[in-house]
Amino acid sequence: MKNNKGWFIVFEGVDGSGKSTQMEKLISRLKMHNQKVFETCEPTPYAIGTMIRETLQHKSTMAPETLGALFVADRLEHILNSEHGMLQHLGQGTHVICSRYYFSNYAFQSEYVPVDWLVQANSLSKKLLKADFTFYINTDPARCAQRILENRNNKELFETEEKIHKAHNAFMSAFENFGSDENIILIDGNRDVESIHTEIWEIVSKRIS
């Protein structure tokens, strides 16, 4: 595998979809092949992202419109920061693997903020950095809700079963309406973990080999 160009790979999915598991398995596989990898997520662990997380965890409150705008600001900093920004890593030949990107913004905030506004607000992020692959782990929302119920003590703002169904439908709508120029790959997440990983690895390995 060549190592002179970093690839930007995004994992999307509703809460409980298995997205994080598949992301970690891909990162491990890439490292086994001596690839440089930077693992990251949105919201970020930095200043703006911390404000967002406190709201999602019910530690603070803010208007939904403000929350939607903060996601956009956090994303721009995530892309452009001169020390830890994703463009810095990609420019050094490191593959960037990110949990959530602007399609999550469309899916989760469009219940409260017009989706056209969210798309326009994210236009600079898209111009600066569009994913080489966006993998959507397409898992039945009822199964996702059951996983959350069994495995998590504290639910975040978007982790009720009703909201998971709404988020899934919003993802599908966003992909249909705003994904024509994106490399979006829907992965059947209702299978066993290894089968899902094998499909993802076959897709990625063909492009970076």
C-alpha atoms as a PDB file:
ATOM      1  CA  MET A   1       0.000   0.000   0.000  1.00  0.00           C
ATOM      2  CA  LYS A   2       1.208   3.470  -0.779  1.00  0.00           C
ATOM      3  CA  ASN A   3       1.532   5.939   2.024  1.00  0.00           C
ATOM      4  CA  ASN A   4       2.105   9.289   0.327  1.00  0.00           C
ATOM      5  CA  LYS A   5      -1.508  10.483   0.334  1.00  0.00           C
ATOM      6  CA  GLY A   6      -3.855  10.524   3.278  1.00  0.00           C
ATOM      7  CA  TRP A   7      -7.436   9.425   2.726  1.00  0.00           C
ATOM      8  CA  PHE A   8     -10.351  10.992   4.588  1.00  0.00           C
ATOM      9  CA  ILE A   9     -12.814   8.316   5.718  1.00  0.00           C
ATOM     10  CA  VAL A  10     -16.013   9.168   7.597  1.00  0.00           C
ATOM     11  CA  PHE A  11     -18.242   6.772   9.522  1.00  0.00           C
ATOM     12  CA  GLU A  12     -21.878   7.752   9.922  1.00  0.00           C
ATOM     13  CA  GLY A  13     -24.809   6.010  11.567  1.00  0.00           C
ATOM     14  CA  VAL A  14     -27.463   6.479  14.192  1.00  0.00           C
ATOM     15  CA  ASP A  15     -26.557   5.857  17.827  1.00  0.00           C
ATOM     16  CA  GLY A  16     -26.170   2.154  18.528  1.00  0.00           C
ATOM     17  CA  SER A  17     -25.582   1.250  14.867  1.00  0.00           C
ATOM     18  CA  GLY A  18     -22.160  -0.310  15.438  1.00  0.00           C
ATOM     19  CA  LYS A  19     -20.401   2.599  13.767  1.00  0.00           C
ATOM     20  CA  SER A  20     -17.705   2.929  16.438  1.00  0.00           C
ATOM     21  CA  THR A  21     -16.905  -0.794  16.363  1.00  0.00           C
ATOM     22  CA  GLN A  22     -16.409  -0.768  12.602  1.00  0.00           C
ATOM     23  CA  MET A  23     -14.328   2.371  12.754  1.00  0.00           C
ATOM     24  CA  GLU A  24     -11.985   0.818  15.313  1.00  0.00           C
ATOM     25  CA  LYS A  25     -11.650  -2.378  13.287  1.00  0.00           C
ATOM     26  CA  LEU A  26     -10.706  -0.436  10.155  1.00  0.00           C
ATOM     27  CA  ILE A  27      -8.130   1.603  12.079  1.00  0.00           C
ATOM     28  CA  SER A  28      -6.556  -1.580  13.461  1.00  0.00           C
ATOM     29  CA  ARG A  29      -6.465  -3.134   9.998  1.00  0.00           C
ATOM     30  CA  LEU A  30      -4.804  -0.088   8.467  1.00  0.00           C
ATOM     31  CA  LYS A  31      -2.164  -0.048  11.191  1.00  0.00           C
ATOM     32  CA  MET A  32      -1.486  -3.741  10.557  1.00  0.00           C
ATOM     33  CA  HIS A  33      -0.576  -2.671   7.023  1.00  0.00           C
ATOM     34  CA  ASN A  34       1.815  -0.004   8.346  1.00  0.00           C
ATOM     35  CA  GLN A  35      -0.468   2.874   7.472  1.00  0.00           C
ATOM     36  CA  LYS A  36      -0.384   6.123   9.430  1.00  0.00           C
ATOM     37  CA  VAL A  37      -3.809   6.817  10.924  1.00  0.00           C
ATOM     38  CA  PHE A  38      -5.328   9.716  12.843  1.00  0.00           C
ATOM     39  CA  GLU A  39      -8.550   8.823  14.673  1.00  0.00           C
ATOM     40  CA  THR A  40     -10.947  11.664  15.373  1.00  0.00           C
ATOM     41  CA  CYS A  41     -14.604  12.490  15.909  1.00  0.00           C
ATOM     42  CA  GLU A  42     -17.252  15.190  15.903  1.00  0.00           C
ATOM     43  CA  PRO A  43     -18.048  16.942  18.078  1.00  0.00           C
ATOM     44  CA  THR A  44     -14.348  17.303  18.792  1.00  0.00           C
ATOM     45  CA  PRO A  45     -12.698  17.217  22.235  1.00  0.00           C
ATOM     46  CA  TYR A  46     -11.593  20.824  21.757  1.00  0.00           C
ATOM     47  CA  ALA A  47     -13.160  24.040  23.067  1.00  0.00           C
ATOM     48  CA  ILE A  48     -16.268  24.312  20.873  1.00  0.00           C
ATOM     49  CA  GLY A  49     -16.817  20.568  20.836  1.00  0.00           C
ATOM     50  CA  THR A  50     -16.747  20.480  24.628  1.00  0.00           C
ATOM     51  CA  MET A  51     -19.592  23.015  24.745  1.00  0.00           C
ATOM     52  CA  ILE A  52     -21.602  20.821  22.381  1.00  0.00           C
ATOM     53  CA  ARG A  53     -20.982  17.662  24.399  1.00  0.00           C
ATOM     54  CA  GLU A  54     -22.103  19.323  27.616  1.00  0.00           C
ATOM     55  CA  THR A  55     -25.411  20.165  25.936  1.00  0.00           C
ATOM     56  CA  LEU A  56     -25.852  16.654  24.503  1.00  0.00           C
ATOM     57  CA  GLN A  57     -25.183  15.212  27.963  1.00  0.00           C
ATOM     58  CA  HIS A  58     -27.792  17.522  29.564  1.00  0.00           C
ATOM     59  CA  LYS A  59     -25.111  19.389  31.549  1.00  0.00           C
ATOM     60  CA  SER A  60     -26.081  22.713  29.957  1.00  0.00           C
ATOM     61  CA  THR A  61     -28.785  24.054  27.675  1.00  0.00           C
ATOM     62  CA  MET A  62     -28.818  26.188  24.557  1.00  0.00           C
ATOM     63  CA  ALA A  63     -31.167  26.992  21.712  1.00  0.00           C
ATOM     64  CA  PRO A  64     -31.266  24.316  18.988  1.00  0.00           C
ATOM     65  CA  GLU A  65     -30.286  26.939  16.419  1.00  0.00           C
ATOM     66  CA  THR A  66     -27.200  27.774  18.465  1.00  0.00           C
ATOM     67  CA  LEU A  67     -26.303  24.103  18.786  1.00  0.00           C
ATOM     68  CA  GLY A  68     -26.565  23.634  15.018  1.00  0.00           C
ATOM     69  CA  ALA A  69     -24.310  26.615  14.416  1.00  0.00           C
ATOM     70  CA  LEU A  70     -21.766  25.409  16.974  1.00  0.00           C
ATOM     71  CA  PHE A  71     -21.443  22.103  15.122  1.00  0.00           C
ATOM     72  CA  VAL A  72     -20.509  24.090  12.011  1.00  0.00           C
ATOM     73  CA  ALA A  73     -17.930  26.155  13.909  1.00  0.00           C
ATOM     74  CA  ASP A  74     -16.473  23.073  15.565  1.00  0.00           C
ATOM     75  CA  ARG A  75     -16.152  21.416  12.154  1.00  0.00           C
ATOM     76  CA  LEU A  76     -14.274  24.321  10.613  1.00  0.00           C
ATOM     77  CA  GLU A  77     -11.822  24.334  13.504  1.00  0.00           C
ATOM     78  CA  HIS A  78     -11.518  20.558  13.152  1.00  0.00           C
ATOM     79  CA  ILE A  79     -10.532  20.996   9.519  1.00  0.00           C
ATOM     80  CA  LEU A  80      -8.334  24.084   9.721  1.00  0.00           C
ATOM     81  CA  ASN A  81      -6.551  24.172  13.086  1.00  0.00           C
ATOM     82  CA  SER A  82      -2.833  24.611  12.400  1.00  0.00           C
ATOM     83  CA  GLU A  83      -1.803  22.113  15.084  1.00  0.00           C
ATOM     84  CA  HIS A  84      -4.387  19.323  15.124  1.00  0.00           C
ATOM     85  CA  GLY A  85      -6.572  20.043  12.099  1.00  0.00           C
ATOM     86  CA  MET A  86      -7.499  17.244   9.722  1.00  0.00           C
ATOM     87  CA  LEU A  87      -5.928  18.987   6.733  1.00  0.00           C
ATOM     88  CA  GLN A  88      -2.616  19.004   8.592  1.00  0.00           C
ATOM     89  CA  HIS A  89      -2.710  15.248   9.063  1.00  0.00           C
ATOM     90  CA  LEU A  90      -3.855  14.508   5.528  1.00  0.00           C
ATOM     91  CA  GLY A  91      -1.092  16.699   4.132  1.00  0.00           C
ATOM     92  CA  GLN A  92       1.451  14.584   5.995  1.00  0.00           C
ATOM     93  CA  GLY A  93       0.217  11.381   4.352  1.00  0.00           C
ATOM     94  CA  THR A  94      -1.858  10.250   7.326  1.00  0.00           C
ATOM     95  CA  HIS A  95      -5.267   8.668   6.809  1.00  0.00           C
ATOM     96  CA  VAL A  96      -7.928  10.497   8.835  1.00  0.00           C
ATOM     97  CA  ILE A  97     -10.754   8.314  10.144  1.00  0.00           C
ATOM     98  CA  CYS A  98     -13.575  10.417  11.560  1.00  0.00           C
ATOM     99  CA  SER A  99     -16.728   9.502  13.456  1.00  0.00           C
ATOM    100  CA  ARG A 100     -19.441  11.828  12.106  1.00  0.00           C
ATOM    101  CA  TYR A 101     -19.170  14.777   9.738  1.00  0.00           C
ATOM    102  CA  TYR A 102     -21.595  17.223   8.150  1.00  0.00           C
ATOM    103  CA  PHE A 103     -24.226  14.633   7.229  1.00  0.00           C
ATOM    104  CA  SER A 104     -24.690  14.076  10.973  1.00  0.00           C
ATOM    105  CA  ASN A 105     -25.283  17.808  11.283  1.00  0.00           C
ATOM    106  CA  TYR A 106     -28.002  17.573   8.629  1.00  0.00           C
ATOM    107  CA  ALA A 107     -29.615  14.503  10.188  1.00  0.00           C
ATOM    108  CA  PHE A 108     -29.643  15.471  13.859  1.00  0.00           C
ATOM    109  CA  GLN A 109     -30.206  19.235  13.704  1.00  0.00           C
ATOM    110  CA  SER A 110     -32.664  19.352  10.796  1.00  0.00           C
ATOM    111  CA  GLU A 111     -35.501  18.582  13.216  1.00  0.00           C
ATOM    112  CA  TYR A 112     -34.941  22.017  14.730  1.00  0.00           C
ATOM    113  CA  VAL A 113     -33.160  24.067  12.036  1.00  0.00           C
ATOM    114  CA  PRO A 114     -34.014  24.246   8.302  1.00  0.00           C
ATOM    115  CA  VAL A 115     -31.828  21.704   6.529  1.00  0.00           C
ATOM    116  CA  ASP A 116     -31.136  24.136   3.668  1.00  0.00           C
ATOM    117  CA  TRP A 117     -29.572  26.492   6.205  1.00  0.00           C
ATOM    118  CA  LEU A 118     -27.409  23.673   7.574  1.00  0.00           C
ATOM    119  CA  VAL A 119     -26.261  22.730   4.075  1.00  0.00           C
ATOM    120  CA  GLN A 120     -25.372  26.332   3.273  1.00  0.00           C
ATOM    121  CA  ALA A 121     -23.611  26.785   6.612  1.00  0.00           C
ATOM    122  CA  ASN A 122     -21.512  23.691   5.895  1.00  0.00           C
ATOM    123  CA  SER A 123     -20.661  24.691   2.331  1.00  0.00           C
ATOM    124  CA  LEU A 124     -17.211  25.973   3.308  1.00  0.00           C
ATOM    125  CA  SER A 125     -16.425  22.750   5.192  1.00  0.00           C
ATOM    126  CA  LYS A 126     -17.450  20.747   2.136  1.00  0.00           C
ATOM    127  CA  LYS A 127     -15.317  22.908  -0.140  1.00  0.00           C
ATOM    128  CA  LEU A 128     -12.313  22.565   2.159  1.00  0.00           C
ATOM    129  CA  LEU A 129     -12.581  18.838   2.831  1.00  0.00           C
ATOM    130  CA  LYS A 130     -14.978  16.288   1.364  1.00  0.00           C
ATOM    131  CA  ALA A 131     -14.748  12.663   2.465  1.00  0.00           C
ATOM    132  CA  ASP A 132     -13.135  10.129   0.136  1.00  0.00           C
ATOM    133  CA  PHE A 133     -15.487   7.554   1.682  1.00  0.00           C
ATOM    134  CA  THR A 134     -18.565   8.059   3.812  1.00  0.00           C
ATOM    135  CA  PHE A 135     -19.670   4.722   5.280  1.00  0.00           C
ATOM    136  CA  TYR A 136     -23.190   4.730   6.695  1.00  0.00           C
ATOM    137  CA  ILE A 137     -23.728   1.719   8.962  1.00  0.00           C
ATOM    138  CA  ASN A 138     -27.335   1.009   8.059  1.00  0.00           C
ATOM    139  CA  THR A 139     -28.690  -0.830  11.105  1.00  0.00           C
ATOM    140  CA  ASP A 140     -32.357  -1.276  11.993  1.00  0.00           C
ATOM    141  CA  PRO A 141     -33.262   1.571  14.396  1.00  0.00           C
ATOM    142  CA  ALA A 142     -35.138  -0.780  16.754  1.00  0.00           C
ATOM    143  CA  ARG A 143     -31.988  -2.886  17.099  1.00  0.00           C
ATOM    144  CA  CYS A 144     -29.958   0.268  17.768  1.00  0.00           C
ATOM    145  CA  ALA A 145     -32.345   1.371  20.502  1.00  0.00           C
ATOM    146  CA  GLN A 146     -32.153  -2.049  22.155  1.00  0.00           C
ATOM    147  CA  ARG A 147     -28.356  -1.936  22.159  1.00  0.00           C
ATOM    148  CA  ILE A 148     -28.392   1.463  23.828  1.00  0.00           C
ATOM    149  CA  LEU A 149     -30.882   0.268  26.433  1.00  0.00           C
ATOM    150  CA  GLU A 150     -28.682  -2.724  27.268  1.00  0.00           C
ATOM    151  CA  ASN A 151     -25.264  -1.076  27.200  1.00  0.00           C
ATOM    152  CA  ARG A 152     -25.559   2.533  28.353  1.00  0.00           C
ATOM    153  CA  ASN A 153     -26.487   3.974  31.726  1.00  0.00           C
ATOM    154  CA  ASN A 154     -26.999   7.544  30.543  1.00  0.00           C
ATOM    155  CA  LYS A 155     -28.708   8.431  27.290  1.00  0.00           C
ATOM    156  CA  GLU A 156     -27.602  11.486  25.348  1.00  0.00           C
ATOM    157  CA  LEU A 157     -29.987  13.941  23.737  1.00  0.00           C
ATOM    158  CA  PHE A 158     -30.477  11.963  20.509  1.00  0.00           C
ATOM    159  CA  GLU A 159     -30.623   8.441  21.945  1.00  0.00           C
ATOM    160  CA  THR A 160     -34.349   7.777  22.458  1.00  0.00           C
ATOM    161  CA  GLU A 161     -35.929   5.215  20.124  1.00  0.00           C
ATOM    162  CA  GLU A 162     -38.196   7.817  18.546  1.00  0.00           C
ATOM    163  CA  LYS A 163     -35.271  10.109  17.815  1.00  0.00           C
ATOM    164  CA  ILE A 164     -33.191   7.230  16.433  1.00  0.00           C
ATOM    165  CA  HIS A 165     -35.949   6.481  13.892  1.00  0.00           C
ATOM    166  CA  LYS A 166     -36.183  10.165  12.990  1.00  0.00           C
ATOM    167  CA  ALA A 167     -32.422  10.445  12.649  1.00  0.00           C
ATOM    168  CA  HIS A 168     -32.251   7.407  10.371  1.00  0.00           C
ATOM    169  CA  ASN A 169     -34.938   8.853   8.115  1.00  0.00           C
ATOM    170  CA  ALA A 170     -33.164  12.215   8.137  1.00  0.00           C
ATOM    171  CA  PHE A 171     -29.897  10.556   7.092  1.00  0.00           C
ATOM    172  CA  MET A 172     -31.642   8.830   4.183  1.00  0.00           C
ATOM    173  CA  SER A 173     -33.235  12.092   3.111  1.00  0.00           C
ATOM    174  CA  ALA A 174     -29.931  13.989   3.367  1.00  0.00           C
ATOM    175  CA  PHE A 175     -28.080  11.383   1.323  1.00  0.00           C
ATOM    176  CA  GLU A 176     -30.783  11.479  -1.358  1.00  0.00           C
ATOM    177  CA  ASN A 177     -31.015  15.264  -1.532  1.00  0.00           C
ATOM    178  CA  PHE A 178     -27.432  16.379  -0.887  1.00  0.00           C
ATOM    179  CA  GLY A 179     -25.233  13.368  -1.563  1.00  0.00           C
ATOM    180  CA  SER A 180     -25.117  13.180  -5.361  1.00  0.00           C
ATOM    181  CA  ASP A 181     -21.506  14.393  -5.482  1.00  0.00           C
ATOM    182  CA  GLU A 182     -20.394  12.367  -2.441  1.00  0.00           C
ATOM    183  CA  ASN A 183     -19.001   8.841  -2.173  1.00  0.00           C
ATOM    184  CA  ILE A 184     -21.640   7.508   0.244  1.00  0.00           C
ATOM    185  CA  ILE A 185     -21.636   3.764   0.821  1.00  0.00           C
ATOM    186  CA  LEU A 186     -24.508   2.176   2.733  1.00  0.00           C
ATOM    187  CA  ILE A 187     -23.326  -0.858   4.676  1.00  0.00           C
ATOM    188  CA  ASP A 188     -25.824  -3.406   6.001  1.00  0.00           C
ATOM    189  CA  GLY A 189     -25.238  -3.186   9.748  1.00  0.00           C
ATOM    190  CA  ASN A 190     -27.631  -5.982  10.691  1.00  0.00           C
ATOM    191  CA  ARG A 191     -24.987  -8.663  10.045  1.00  0.00           C
ATOM    192  CA  ASP A 192     -22.221  -9.970  12.280  1.00  0.00           C
ATOM    193  CA  VAL A 193     -19.296  -7.655  13.029  1.00  0.00           C
ATOM    194  CA  GLU A 194     -16.729  -9.518  10.919  1.00  0.00           C
ATOM    195  CA  SER A 195     -18.893  -9.643   7.804  1.00  0.00           C
ATOM    196  CA  ILE A 196     -19.429  -5.889   8.003  1.00  0.00           C
ATOM    197  CA  HIS A 197     -15.727  -5.236   8.516  1.00  0.00           C
ATOM    198  CA  THR A 198     -14.766  -7.483   5.601  1.00  0.00           C
ATOM    199  CA  GLU A 199     -16.989  -5.526   3.229  1.00  0.00           C
ATOM    200  CA  ILE A 200     -15.581  -2.191   4.394  1.00  0.00           C
ATOM    201  CA  TRP A 201     -11.988  -3.412   4.182  1.00  0.00           C
ATOM    202  CA  GLU A 202     -12.464  -4.718   0.644  1.00  0.00           C
ATOM    203  CA  ILE A 203     -13.704  -1.302  -0.449  1.00  0.00           C
ATOM    204  CA  VAL A 204     -10.984   0.694   1.284  1.00  0.00           C
ATOM    205  CA  SER A 205      -8.063  -1.591   0.448  1.00  0.00           C
ATOM    206  CA  LYS A 206      -8.779  -1.367  -3.293  1.00  0.00           C
ATOM    207  CA  ARG A 207      -8.437   2.414  -3.176  1.00  0.00           C
ATOM    208  CA  ILE A 208      -5.322   2.722  -1.040  1.00  0.00           C
ATOM    209  CA  SER A 209      -3.345  -0.182  -2.490  1.00  0.00           C
END
